[in-house]
Amino acid sequence: MKCPHCGHEMPDGYLICDKCGEEIQIVPDFEPEIENSITETLSTLVSLQEEEPDIAEDDEGEDKPDVRAGRRRRRPQLVLAAVILLLAALISYALYAYHIHTVDYQIDKAAAYAEKGAYSEAIACLEKAYADYPEEARILFLEADYYYLQQMDNYALSALMKIIDKDAVPRYAEEDVEEAYGKIVTIYANQKEYGLINDLLRACDNERIVNMFQSYLAMEPEFSYVEGSYAEVIPLKLSSNTAGTIYYTMDGSKPDKNSQIYTSPLFLETGEYTVSAFFVNDYGIESDIVTKTYVINLAVPNAPEVELYSGEYTEAMMIAVEPAEGCKTFYTTDESEPTADSVPYTGPIPMPLGKTLFKFVNISSEGIASEVTTRTFTLRLRGAIPTETAVTNLVNRLVETGYLEDAAGRNPRQSGVLSYQFSSVLKVGEEDYYTINEYYDDGTGLLSRTDKVFLVQAYTGAAAQLAYDENGDFMANPI
């Protein structure tokens, strides 16, 4: 195509001459049918003029009267025919002019160019159509597709952005907006511009669209408790909108990818905690940091109340602890500090022989520990037989009754052997007894305690078996 101003040869589709800078006014060619119609109209008018017969003249060179009359009759007919033909031509042209400005015509023309690979000409047709029909989203979709096929992603994105523009007038249909978001996300994903996808979705106020592509989104972690003061231990949970990793700190410092990784609830006990966290999705996009402060003010339970005071005792005693509401009591006898992993107190404890240090603690349901209560008991039974003698007396009596085959602990009911160990001193009625537990060894050397507890009178050495009466009190059944 040549520039009509300077004659410079220009590439097809250019609208401005790259030599003289003049704008090229493109006048669309007539459709063949319209051009033929106009040509035929003009030809008809000419032929009507040429077909007018020569006017006969009389001998003096003047028209004859009848000829002049015929001419006058034919003139209006010729004028009417000419007017009709001219109107037909004008109507045809008007219809054509309307047709070439319809959106379908421009889109079809663009598609025809695109089929030939002439994308520049196709896009020019679409831009002309968009100027006349800005409400037609399909024009922008086609334009984006043609740019995308030319690997001109930025131009494709520019066309699609017009569809999702919240301030666009007119606003496009919701399904068109969703489709435009899908195409934009696809282009960004192909470019691995995941940060741009995150920014795009963060700016979107359509929840449905955000949910469609939330795997690309890195939202701030959600905290299961609002910040503030609490009178209980709280299991703080952190959650994210999609798959990824949450990093956190609990001392107010700024978390990074070297901070602790959240895997389970954070149990906040007494004290003040400043929890900061951020989320990183599977595409490496980081959310903003969220910080919340919690103050936990828990009531500390009272220390355990032990009925017996520390001291030296000469008869069997039971060590009882007053129960504390909403708490469990734990104790140790090895001088270690009691915790929730120590031996639980379930009822009165027989006082051990010799000197023993007891430490008791109450732990509330929130996990708060009381102060420790300490007691030291010394139990000495004057005149009592040694505990080793008591165990020997029991074994001998079990052999006499046939419960054991011999003092080594073999018995007719089991292949292993039974053994016996002193446990504590227990008052049954008004008498003091040694309690002796029975253990079974199946030959592996591993001892397992049986359900039998035997008694030996601390002064006489008489053997018995521990039992309970109808009131649940201890009984000594002689063997």
Protein backbone atom coordinates (compact mmCIF):
# COMPACT_ATOMS: atom_id res chain seq x y z
CA MET A 1 0.00 0.00 0.00
CA LYS A 2 1.31 3.48 -0.96
CA CYS A 3 0.95 6.65 1.06
CA PRO A 4 -1.50 8.94 -0.81
CA HIS A 5 0.49 11.97 0.40
CA CYS A 6 4.09 11.12 -0.49
CA GLY A 7 3.84 7.86 -2.42
CA HIS A 8 6.01 5.93 0.07
CA GLU A 9 5.43 2.16 0.02
CA MET A 10 3.93 1.17 3.41
CA PRO A 11 3.37 -2.25 5.02
CA ASP A 12 -0.22 -3.43 5.09
CA GLY A 13 -2.22 -2.42 8.13
CA TYR A 14 -0.26 0.79 8.92
CA LEU A 15 -2.48 3.80 9.60
CA ILE A 16 0.30 6.44 9.76
CA CYS A 17 3.04 6.88 7.12
CA ASP A 18 6.43 6.19 8.67
CA LYS A 19 8.04 8.64 6.19
CA CYS A 20 5.89 11.78 6.03
CA GLY A 21 3.89 11.11 9.24
CA GLU A 22 0.51 11.77 7.65
CA GLU A 23 -2.52 9.77 8.80
CA ILE A 24 -3.97 7.40 6.26
CA GLN A 25 -7.73 7.63 5.85
CA ILE A 26 -8.95 4.19 4.95
CA VAL A 27 -12.14 4.20 2.92
CA PRO A 28 -13.66 0.74 2.88
CA ASP A 29 -14.18 -0.81 -0.55
CA PHE A 30 -17.75 -1.30 -1.71
CA GLU A 31 -19.12 -4.75 -1.71
CA PRO A 32 -19.39 -6.02 -5.32
CA GLU A 33 -23.17 -6.24 -5.09
CA ILE A 34 -23.49 -2.62 -3.97
CA GLU A 35 -21.06 -1.33 -6.58
CA ASN A 36 -22.87 -3.23 -9.33
CA SER A 37 -26.21 -1.85 -8.15
CA ILE A 38 -24.99 1.75 -8.35
CA THR A 39 -23.35 1.16 -11.74
CA GLU A 40 -26.51 -0.35 -13.12
CA THR A 41 -28.55 2.60 -11.83
CA LEU A 42 -26.31 5.13 -13.55
CA SER A 43 -26.25 3.08 -16.75
CA THR A 44 -30.02 2.93 -16.78
CA LEU A 45 -30.29 6.69 -16.45
CA VAL A 46 -27.91 7.17 -19.37
CA SER A 47 -29.74 4.66 -21.54
CA LEU A 48 -33.04 6.35 -20.89
CA GLN A 49 -31.59 9.57 -22.20
CA GLU A 50 -30.10 7.89 -25.24
CA GLU A 51 -33.32 6.09 -26.12
CA GLU A 52 -35.25 9.39 -26.64
CA PRO A 53 -36.17 9.36 -30.34
CA ASP A 54 -35.33 12.17 -32.68
CA ILE A 55 -38.09 14.72 -32.88
CA ALA A 56 -39.68 14.95 -36.32
CA GLU A 57 -39.76 18.40 -37.79
CA ASP A 58 -42.03 19.83 -40.47
CA ASP A 59 -40.83 21.36 -43.67
CA GLU A 60 -40.32 24.71 -42.02
CA GLY A 61 -38.00 23.14 -39.38
CA GLU A 62 -40.49 23.23 -36.50
CA ASP A 63 -41.69 20.37 -34.35
CA LYS A 64 -44.92 18.84 -35.26
CA PRO A 65 -47.63 19.30 -32.65
CA ASP A 66 -48.16 15.60 -31.94
CA VAL A 67 -44.44 15.04 -31.40
CA ARG A 68 -44.20 17.87 -28.93
CA ALA A 69 -47.11 16.44 -27.00
CA GLY A 70 -45.49 12.97 -26.80
CA ARG A 71 -42.30 14.49 -25.53
CA ARG A 72 -44.13 16.31 -22.76
CA ARG A 73 -45.86 13.10 -21.70
CA ARG A 74 -42.57 11.10 -21.47
CA ARG A 75 -40.52 13.60 -19.43
CA PRO A 76 -42.26 13.03 -16.05
CA GLN A 77 -41.90 9.27 -16.49
CA LEU A 78 -38.18 9.61 -17.10
CA VAL A 79 -37.73 11.85 -14.07
CA LEU A 80 -39.68 9.44 -11.83
CA ALA A 81 -37.65 6.45 -13.01
CA ALA A 82 -34.44 8.33 -12.39
CA VAL A 83 -35.54 9.29 -8.89
CA ILE A 84 -36.53 5.71 -8.05
CA LEU A 85 -33.24 4.33 -9.31
CA LEU A 86 -31.28 6.96 -7.42
CA LEU A 87 -33.16 6.20 -4.21
CA ALA A 88 -32.50 2.49 -4.67
CA ALA A 89 -28.80 3.22 -5.04
CA LEU A 90 -28.76 5.45 -1.96
CA ILE A 91 -30.65 2.88 0.11
CA SER A 92 -28.23 0.16 -0.99
CA TYR A 93 -25.30 2.32 -0.03
CA ALA A 94 -26.86 3.20 3.32
CA LEU A 95 -27.45 -0.46 4.09
CA TYR A 96 -23.90 -1.24 3.15
CA ALA A 97 -22.53 1.61 5.26
CA TYR A 98 -24.52 0.30 8.23
CA HIS A 99 -23.40 -3.27 7.62
CA ILE A 100 -19.68 -2.49 7.58
CA HIS A 101 -19.99 -0.76 10.94
CA THR A 102 -21.70 -3.68 12.75
CA VAL A 103 -19.68 -5.60 15.37
CA ASP A 104 -20.27 -8.91 13.63
CA TYR A 105 -18.90 -7.55 10.33
CA GLN A 106 -15.74 -6.26 12.01
CA ILE A 107 -15.23 -9.48 13.98
CA ASP A 108 -15.75 -11.60 10.86
CA LYS A 109 -13.34 -9.40 8.97
CA ALA A 110 -10.79 -9.71 11.78
CA ALA A 111 -11.20 -13.50 11.81
CA ALA A 112 -10.62 -13.58 8.07
CA TYR A 113 -7.36 -11.65 8.50
CA ALA A 114 -6.32 -13.89 11.41
CA GLU A 115 -6.84 -17.03 9.34
CA LYS A 116 -4.27 -15.65 6.91
CA GLY A 117 -1.88 -14.81 9.75
CA ALA A 118 -2.42 -11.06 9.28
CA TYR A 119 -2.84 -10.36 13.00
CA SER A 120 -2.00 -6.65 12.76
CA GLU A 121 -4.89 -6.10 10.31
CA ALA A 122 -7.14 -8.30 12.45
CA ILE A 123 -6.37 -6.27 15.57
CA ALA A 124 -6.97 -3.02 13.66
CA CYS A 125 -10.47 -4.25 12.78
CA LEU A 126 -11.10 -5.17 16.41
CA GLU A 127 -9.94 -1.80 17.70
CA LYS A 128 -12.32 -0.08 15.27
CA ALA A 129 -15.13 -2.34 16.48
CA TYR A 130 -14.26 -1.70 20.15
CA ALA A 131 -14.40 2.07 19.56
CA ASP A 132 -18.00 1.65 18.39
CA TYR A 133 -19.03 -1.18 20.70
CA PRO A 134 -17.08 -0.91 23.99
CA GLU A 135 -19.69 -3.07 25.77
CA GLU A 136 -18.75 -6.15 23.68
CA ALA A 137 -16.31 -8.21 25.79
CA ARG A 138 -15.80 -10.70 22.94
CA ILE A 139 -13.90 -8.01 21.00
CA LEU A 140 -11.35 -7.72 23.81
CA PHE A 141 -11.10 -11.51 24.20
CA LEU A 142 -10.31 -11.89 20.48
CA GLU A 143 -7.81 -9.05 20.61
CA ALA A 144 -6.08 -10.67 23.61
CA ASP A 145 -6.00 -14.02 21.80
CA TYR A 146 -4.41 -12.50 18.68
CA TYR A 147 -1.78 -10.73 20.78
CA TYR A 148 -1.14 -13.94 22.73
CA LEU A 149 -0.64 -15.90 19.50
CA GLN A 150 2.03 -13.36 18.57
CA GLN A 151 3.64 -13.82 22.01
CA MET A 152 2.81 -10.23 22.88
CA ASP A 153 1.67 -11.09 26.40
CA ASN A 154 1.70 -7.54 27.75
CA TYR A 155 -0.69 -6.35 25.04
CA ALA A 156 -2.91 -9.38 25.66
CA LEU A 157 -2.95 -8.58 29.38
CA SER A 158 -3.81 -4.94 28.64
CA ALA A 159 -6.90 -6.03 26.68
CA LEU A 160 -8.01 -8.43 29.41
CA MET A 161 -7.46 -5.86 32.15
CA LYS A 162 -10.14 -3.68 30.55
CA ILE A 163 -12.67 -6.43 31.21
CA ILE A 164 -11.85 -6.79 34.92
CA ASP A 165 -11.54 -3.05 35.51
CA LYS A 166 -13.94 -2.27 38.38
CA ASP A 167 -14.35 1.29 37.11
CA ALA A 168 -15.09 0.24 33.53
CA VAL A 169 -18.17 1.74 31.86
CA PRO A 170 -20.08 -0.28 30.97
CA ARG A 171 -19.39 -3.08 33.44
CA TYR A 172 -19.02 -6.49 31.84
CA ALA A 173 -21.03 -9.60 32.69
CA GLU A 174 -19.81 -11.68 35.64
CA GLU A 175 -19.04 -14.69 33.45
CA ASP A 176 -16.89 -12.47 31.20
CA VAL A 177 -15.02 -11.13 34.21
CA GLU A 178 -14.38 -14.67 35.51
CA GLU A 179 -13.11 -15.77 32.10
CA ALA A 180 -10.82 -12.73 31.90
CA TYR A 181 -9.36 -13.52 35.33
CA GLY A 182 -8.75 -17.10 34.21
CA LYS A 183 -6.83 -15.96 31.11
CA ILE A 184 -4.79 -13.42 33.08
CA VAL A 185 -3.86 -16.00 35.74
CA THR A 186 -2.86 -18.44 32.98
CA ILE A 187 -0.55 -15.89 31.34
CA TYR A 188 1.05 -14.93 34.67
CA ALA A 189 1.45 -18.60 35.65
CA ASN A 190 3.18 -19.37 32.32
CA GLN A 191 5.52 -16.47 33.07
CA LYS A 192 5.96 -17.79 36.65
CA GLU A 193 4.89 -14.35 37.88
CA TYR A 194 3.18 -15.77 40.96
CA GLY A 195 3.60 -12.53 42.88
CA LEU A 196 1.53 -10.71 40.26
CA ILE A 197 -1.19 -13.35 40.59
CA ASN A 198 -1.20 -12.80 44.36
CA ASP A 199 -1.48 -9.03 43.90
CA LEU A 200 -4.24 -9.49 41.32
CA LEU A 201 -6.33 -11.68 43.63
CA ARG A 202 -5.71 -9.51 46.69
CA ALA A 203 -7.25 -6.60 44.77
CA CYS A 204 -10.25 -8.67 43.66
CA ASP A 205 -13.48 -8.16 45.62
CA ASN A 206 -15.26 -11.14 44.05
CA GLU A 207 -15.10 -13.98 46.60
CA ARG A 208 -16.03 -16.60 44.02
CA ILE A 209 -13.11 -15.62 41.76
CA VAL A 210 -10.68 -15.51 44.69
CA ASN A 211 -11.75 -19.02 45.75
CA MET A 212 -11.23 -20.29 42.20
CA PHE A 213 -7.53 -19.36 42.31
CA GLN A 214 -6.78 -19.34 46.03
CA SER A 215 -3.88 -21.78 45.65
CA TYR A 216 -1.93 -18.83 44.21
CA LEU A 217 -2.92 -16.55 47.08
CA ALA A 218 -0.86 -16.00 50.23
CA MET A 219 -3.21 -14.61 52.86
CA GLU A 220 -2.10 -13.66 56.35
CA PRO A 221 -2.43 -16.53 58.89
CA GLU A 222 -5.67 -16.61 60.84
CA PHE A 223 -5.51 -16.85 64.65
CA SER A 224 -8.13 -18.97 66.43
CA TYR A 225 -8.32 -16.47 69.35
CA VAL A 226 -8.61 -12.70 69.22
CA GLU A 227 -5.86 -10.95 71.10
CA GLY A 228 -6.57 -9.89 74.66
CA SER A 229 -6.58 -11.18 78.25
CA TYR A 230 -7.71 -14.67 79.23
CA ALA A 231 -8.20 -16.46 82.54
CA GLU A 232 -7.45 -19.88 81.10
CA VAL A 233 -4.85 -21.71 79.08
CA ILE A 234 -5.67 -21.24 75.39
CA PRO A 235 -4.66 -23.65 72.59
CA LEU A 236 -3.86 -21.05 69.92
CA LYS A 237 -4.28 -22.40 66.37
CA LEU A 238 -2.84 -20.76 63.26
CA SER A 239 -4.37 -21.53 59.86
CA SER A 240 -3.77 -20.57 56.23
CA ASN A 241 -6.04 -20.28 53.19
CA THR A 242 -4.21 -22.98 51.21
CA ALA A 243 -1.23 -25.33 51.26
CA GLY A 244 2.06 -23.88 52.45
CA THR A 245 4.08 -23.14 55.60
CA ILE A 246 3.44 -20.84 58.57
CA TYR A 247 6.47 -19.41 60.39
CA TYR A 248 6.06 -17.83 63.83
CA THR A 249 7.72 -16.34 66.91
CA MET A 250 6.28 -15.91 70.42
CA ASP A 251 8.58 -13.24 71.85
CA GLY A 252 7.58 -10.28 69.69
CA SER A 253 10.50 -10.65 67.29
CA LYS A 254 9.97 -10.50 63.53
CA PRO A 255 9.61 -14.01 62.07
CA ASP A 256 11.42 -15.17 58.94
CA LYS A 257 11.99 -18.46 57.15
CA ASN A 258 14.45 -19.48 59.88
CA SER A 259 11.78 -19.15 62.59
CA GLN A 260 9.78 -22.01 64.06
CA ILE A 261 7.36 -23.79 61.73
CA TYR A 262 3.79 -24.09 62.98
CA THR A 263 2.65 -27.73 63.18
CA SER A 264 0.30 -27.92 66.18
CA PRO A 265 -1.60 -25.63 68.60
CA LEU A 266 0.44 -23.27 70.78
CA PHE A 267 -0.62 -23.66 74.41
CA LEU A 268 -0.39 -20.28 76.11
CA GLU A 269 -0.19 -20.53 79.90
CA THR A 270 0.31 -17.86 82.55
CA GLY A 271 2.18 -14.85 81.21
CA GLU A 272 2.23 -12.44 78.27
CA TYR A 273 2.85 -13.63 74.73
CA THR A 274 3.36 -11.63 71.53
CA VAL A 275 2.80 -14.05 68.66
CA SER A 276 3.89 -13.01 65.16
CA ALA A 277 3.37 -15.17 62.07
CA PHE A 278 3.40 -15.11 58.28
CA PHE A 279 2.47 -17.61 55.57
CA VAL A 280 4.40 -18.83 52.51
CA ASN A 281 2.40 -20.71 49.87
CA ASP A 282 3.69 -23.49 47.62
CA TYR A 283 4.66 -20.91 44.97
CA GLY A 284 6.97 -19.10 47.37
CA ILE A 285 4.70 -16.08 47.84
CA GLU A 286 4.87 -14.57 51.34
CA SER A 287 1.98 -12.97 53.17
CA ASP A 288 2.20 -9.95 55.43
CA ILE A 289 3.17 -10.55 59.06
CA VAL A 290 0.37 -10.69 61.62
CA THR A 291 1.09 -9.92 65.29
CA LYS A 292 -1.24 -10.48 68.24
CA THR A 293 -0.65 -10.13 72.00
CA TYR A 294 -2.18 -12.38 74.63
CA VAL A 295 -2.12 -11.99 78.42
CA ILE A 296 -2.97 -15.16 80.36
CA ASN A 297 -3.93 -14.60 83.99
CA LEU A 298 -4.64 -17.98 85.52
CA ALA A 299 -5.64 -18.63 89.12
CA VAL A 300 -2.89 -20.59 90.84
CA PRO A 301 -4.41 -23.48 92.87
CA ASN A 302 -3.74 -23.84 96.57
CA ALA A 303 -0.97 -26.14 97.71
CA PRO A 304 -2.02 -29.68 98.77
CA GLU A 305 -3.19 -30.09 102.37
CA VAL A 306 -1.62 -33.19 103.93
CA GLU A 307 -3.35 -34.41 107.07
CA LEU A 308 -0.22 -35.78 108.78
CA TYR A 309 2.63 -33.54 109.86
CA SER A 310 6.23 -34.40 109.32
CA GLY A 311 7.74 -36.45 112.16
CA GLU A 312 8.62 -39.88 113.56
CA TYR A 313 5.91 -42.50 113.88
CA THR A 314 5.90 -45.84 115.71
CA GLU A 315 2.82 -47.43 114.18
CA ALA A 316 1.49 -47.81 110.68
CA MET A 317 -0.19 -44.64 109.38
CA MET A 318 -2.03 -43.66 106.22
CA ILE A 319 -0.97 -40.44 104.49
CA ALA A 320 -4.07 -38.63 103.21
CA VAL A 321 -4.37 -35.44 101.14
CA GLU A 322 -7.42 -33.17 101.05
CA PRO A 323 -8.80 -33.07 97.48
CA ALA A 324 -8.70 -29.67 95.70
CA GLU A 325 -11.60 -28.75 93.43
CA GLY A 326 -10.69 -28.77 89.75
CA CYS A 327 -7.21 -30.16 90.46
CA LYS A 328 -5.29 -33.41 90.45
CA THR A 329 -2.62 -34.20 93.02
CA PHE A 330 0.73 -35.78 92.17
CA TYR A 331 3.62 -36.79 94.43
CA THR A 332 7.20 -38.06 94.53
CA THR A 333 9.26 -39.91 97.19
CA ASP A 334 12.70 -39.62 95.51
CA GLU A 335 13.29 -35.92 96.35
CA SER A 336 12.45 -34.83 92.77
CA GLU A 337 9.92 -32.06 92.08
CA PRO A 338 6.43 -33.41 91.38
CA THR A 339 4.83 -32.72 87.99
CA ALA A 340 1.87 -33.98 85.99
CA ASP A 341 4.08 -36.94 85.00
CA SER A 342 4.65 -38.00 88.61
CA VAL A 343 2.66 -40.61 90.56
CA PRO A 344 -1.01 -39.53 90.81
CA TYR A 345 -2.55 -39.45 94.27
CA THR A 346 -5.69 -41.64 94.23
CA GLY A 347 -6.22 -42.26 97.93
CA PRO A 348 -4.47 -42.59 101.31
CA ILE A 349 -0.90 -43.89 101.03
CA PRO A 350 0.59 -46.37 103.55
CA MET A 351 3.54 -44.78 105.31
CA PRO A 352 6.79 -46.49 104.29
CA LEU A 353 9.22 -47.89 106.83
CA GLY A 354 12.18 -45.73 107.61
CA LYS A 355 12.61 -42.08 106.60
CA THR A 356 10.79 -40.87 103.47
CA LEU A 357 10.48 -37.41 101.90
CA PHE A 358 7.10 -36.79 100.23
CA LYS A 359 6.46 -33.89 97.84
CA PHE A 360 2.89 -33.12 96.76
CA VAL A 361 1.57 -30.71 94.13
CA ASN A 362 -1.90 -29.74 92.85
CA ILE A 363 -2.25 -29.15 89.10
CA SER A 364 -5.38 -27.45 87.77
CA SER A 365 -7.28 -28.47 84.64
CA GLU A 366 -5.55 -25.56 82.87
CA GLY A 367 -2.18 -27.10 83.73
CA ILE A 368 -1.24 -24.56 86.41
CA ALA A 369 0.79 -26.01 89.27
CA SER A 370 0.46 -24.99 92.90
CA GLU A 371 3.26 -24.58 95.36
CA VAL A 372 4.75 -27.88 96.54
CA THR A 373 3.85 -29.30 99.95
CA THR A 374 6.69 -31.23 101.58
CA ARG A 375 6.45 -33.82 104.34
CA THR A 376 9.14 -36.02 105.92
CA PHE A 377 7.95 -39.15 107.69
CA THR A 378 10.01 -41.59 109.74
CA LEU A 379 8.28 -44.89 110.62
CA ARG A 380 9.95 -47.16 113.15
CA LEU A 381 8.05 -50.22 114.48
CA ARG A 382 9.72 -51.15 117.76
CA GLY A 383 9.87 -54.90 118.24
CA ALA A 384 8.72 -55.70 114.71
CA ILE A 385 10.35 -58.49 112.70
CA PRO A 386 12.60 -57.48 109.77
CA THR A 387 10.90 -57.22 106.40
CA GLU A 388 13.18 -59.95 104.97
CA THR A 389 11.95 -62.32 107.68
CA ALA A 390 8.36 -61.42 106.85
CA VAL A 391 8.91 -62.35 103.17
CA THR A 392 10.54 -65.67 104.17
CA ASN A 393 7.65 -66.51 106.51
CA LEU A 394 5.15 -65.87 103.71
CA VAL A 395 6.97 -68.07 101.19
CA ASN A 396 7.30 -70.93 103.69
CA ARG A 397 3.61 -70.73 104.49
CA LEU A 398 2.68 -70.77 100.75
CA VAL A 399 4.82 -73.93 100.33
CA GLU A 400 3.09 -75.55 103.32
CA THR A 401 -0.35 -74.91 101.81
CA GLY A 402 0.71 -76.22 98.38
CA TYR A 403 0.36 -72.87 96.67
CA LEU A 404 4.11 -73.12 95.84
CA GLU A 405 6.08 -76.28 95.10
CA ASP A 406 9.22 -74.94 96.75
CA ALA A 407 10.84 -71.80 98.14
CA ALA A 408 12.25 -70.99 94.69
CA GLY A 409 8.74 -69.98 93.64
CA ARG A 410 7.85 -72.83 91.29
CA ASN A 411 4.18 -73.72 91.26
CA PRO A 412 1.99 -76.40 89.62
CA ARG A 413 -0.19 -73.88 87.73
CA GLN A 414 2.45 -71.97 85.71
CA SER A 415 5.71 -72.70 83.93
CA GLY A 416 7.43 -69.62 85.36
CA VAL A 417 8.29 -68.74 88.93
CA LEU A 418 6.72 -66.44 91.50
CA SER A 419 8.59 -64.03 93.75
CA TYR A 420 7.62 -61.71 96.62
CA GLN A 421 8.67 -58.20 97.65
CA PHE A 422 7.97 -56.05 100.67
CA SER A 423 5.89 -52.94 99.83
CA SER A 424 4.66 -51.00 102.88
CA VAL A 425 3.20 -51.11 106.36
CA LEU A 426 -0.58 -51.22 106.61
CA LYS A 427 -2.85 -50.98 109.61
CA VAL A 428 -5.65 -53.55 109.39
CA GLY A 429 -8.04 -53.14 112.27
CA GLU A 430 -5.81 -52.51 115.25
CA GLU A 431 -2.81 -54.47 113.97
CA ASP A 432 0.20 -53.51 111.88
CA TYR A 433 0.95 -55.65 108.81
CA TYR A 434 3.63 -55.69 106.20
CA THR A 435 2.17 -55.66 102.69
CA ILE A 436 3.97 -57.98 100.28
CA ASN A 437 3.35 -57.94 96.52
CA GLU A 438 3.52 -61.02 94.29
CA TYR A 439 5.43 -60.97 90.93
CA TYR A 440 5.59 -63.48 88.06
CA ASP A 441 8.68 -64.25 85.95
CA ASP A 442 7.96 -66.20 82.74
CA GLY A 443 11.63 -67.07 82.30
CA THR A 444 12.68 -63.88 80.48
CA GLY A 445 13.70 -62.10 83.68
CA LEU A 446 10.88 -59.59 83.25
CA LEU A 447 8.72 -59.32 86.38
CA SER A 448 5.02 -58.57 86.15
CA ARG A 449 2.94 -57.86 89.23
CA THR A 450 -0.04 -60.12 89.88
CA ASP A 451 -3.32 -59.05 91.46
CA LYS A 452 -2.54 -60.73 94.82
CA VAL A 453 -1.37 -58.77 97.87
CA PHE A 454 -0.27 -60.73 100.94
CA LEU A 455 0.06 -59.60 104.56
CA VAL A 456 2.46 -60.60 107.32
CA GLN A 457 1.77 -59.52 110.90
CA ALA A 458 4.62 -57.13 111.75
CA TYR A 459 5.20 -58.61 115.22
CA THR A 460 4.12 -62.28 115.06
CA GLY A 461 5.04 -63.07 111.42
CA ALA A 462 1.66 -64.71 110.74
CA ALA A 463 0.83 -64.80 106.99
CA ALA A 464 -2.49 -63.65 105.54
CA GLN A 465 -4.00 -62.38 102.32
CA LEU A 466 -5.37 -58.86 101.91
CA ALA A 467 -9.15 -58.67 101.41
CA TYR A 468 -12.00 -56.17 101.85
CA ASP A 469 -15.20 -56.36 103.88
CA GLU A 470 -18.67 -55.20 102.72
CA ASN A 471 -17.80 -51.63 103.72
CA GLY A 472 -14.58 -51.62 101.71
CA ASP A 473 -12.35 -51.75 104.78
CA PHE A 474 -9.16 -53.82 104.87
CA MET A 475 -9.30 -57.45 106.11
CA ALA A 476 -6.55 -59.99 106.78
CA ASN A 477 -7.60 -63.51 105.73
CA PRO A 478 -5.22 -66.02 107.38
CA ILE A 479 -3.43 -68.45 105.08
